[in-house]
Amino acid sequence: MSDVKSGVATIIAIAAILLAIFIPFIFIWSINTLFNLGIAYGFWEWLAAFCLSSFLSIRHVNAFSSK
C-alpha cells in the first residue's frame, strides 16, 4: 500500500513541477494572442510571468481566506 501512495505522491509532484513550468508560457501565449503584443518566449519573460502569476494567486488566496 505504501508503494501506491509513494507512486501517487511522485506523480502529483511531477505534475506540480510541470504546471509551474508551463503555466507562465501559457500566460505569455494567451496575452500575445489576445492583444498581439509580440512578447518573446525566453527565460526572463518566463520568470516575469511566473512572478506575476504567483503574486496574483497569492493575492487571490489571501482575499478569500477567513479572518
Protein backbone atom coordinates (compact mmCIF):
# COMPACT_ATOMS: atom_id res chain seq x y z
CA MET A 1 0.00 0.00 0.00
CA SER A 2 2.85 2.41 0.73
CA ASP A 3 4.22 1.78 -2.79
CA VAL A 4 0.94 3.01 -4.26
CA LYS A 5 0.95 6.11 -2.04
CA SER A 6 4.56 6.78 -2.98
CA GLY A 7 3.75 6.43 -6.67
CA VAL A 8 0.76 8.76 -6.41
CA ALA A 9 2.83 11.31 -4.48
CA THR A 10 5.53 11.15 -7.14
CA ILE A 11 3.01 11.68 -9.94
CA ILE A 12 1.47 14.65 -8.10
CA ALA A 13 4.91 16.18 -7.51
CA ILE A 14 5.87 15.80 -11.18
CA ALA A 15 2.54 17.29 -12.29
CA ALA A 16 3.02 20.27 -9.96
CA ILE A 17 6.52 20.91 -11.32
CA LEU A 18 5.31 20.67 -14.92
CA LEU A 19 2.45 23.07 -14.20
CA ALA A 20 4.84 25.53 -12.58
CA ILE A 21 6.98 25.41 -15.72
CA PHE A 22 4.25 25.58 -18.37
CA ILE A 23 1.68 27.96 -16.84
CA PRO A 24 3.87 31.07 -17.37
CA PHE A 25 4.34 30.11 -21.04
CA ILE A 26 0.59 29.64 -21.41
CA PHE A 27 0.09 33.06 -19.77
CA ILE A 28 2.52 34.74 -22.21
CA TRP A 29 0.94 32.94 -25.17
CA SER A 30 -2.56 33.99 -24.14
CA ILE A 31 -1.57 37.65 -23.67
CA ASN A 32 0.23 37.60 -27.05
CA THR A 33 -2.80 36.07 -28.73
CA LEU A 34 -5.37 38.38 -27.17
CA PHE A 35 -3.53 41.67 -27.51
CA ASN A 36 -0.97 40.95 -30.29
CA LEU A 37 1.90 42.25 -28.12
CA GLY A 38 4.77 40.27 -29.61
CA ILE A 39 6.30 39.27 -26.26
CA ALA A 40 9.24 36.92 -26.77
CA TYR A 41 9.41 33.45 -25.19
CA GLY A 42 12.58 33.40 -23.14
CA PHE A 43 13.80 32.78 -19.64
CA TRP A 44 13.31 36.36 -18.40
CA GLU A 45 9.82 36.58 -19.84
CA TRP A 46 9.01 33.22 -18.28
CA LEU A 47 10.34 34.42 -14.93
CA ALA A 48 8.31 37.64 -15.11
CA ALA A 49 5.14 35.70 -15.96
CA PHE A 50 5.86 33.22 -13.17
CA CYS A 51 6.31 36.02 -10.62
CA LEU A 52 3.17 37.79 -11.83
CA SER A 53 1.03 34.66 -11.72
CA SER A 54 2.44 33.75 -8.29
CA PHE A 55 1.64 37.21 -6.98
CA LEU A 56 -1.89 37.10 -8.37
CA SER A 57 -2.59 33.64 -6.97
CA ILE A 58 -1.27 34.65 -3.53
CA ARG A 59 -3.47 37.74 -3.57
CA HIS A 60 -6.45 35.61 -4.67
CA VAL A 61 -5.95 33.10 -1.85
CA ASN A 62 -5.44 35.82 0.77
CA ALA A 63 -8.54 37.70 -0.36
CA PHE A 64 -10.76 34.71 0.35
CA SER A 65 -9.13 33.38 3.50
CA SER A 66 -11.10 33.63 6.73
CA LYS A 67 -10.10 36.26 9.23
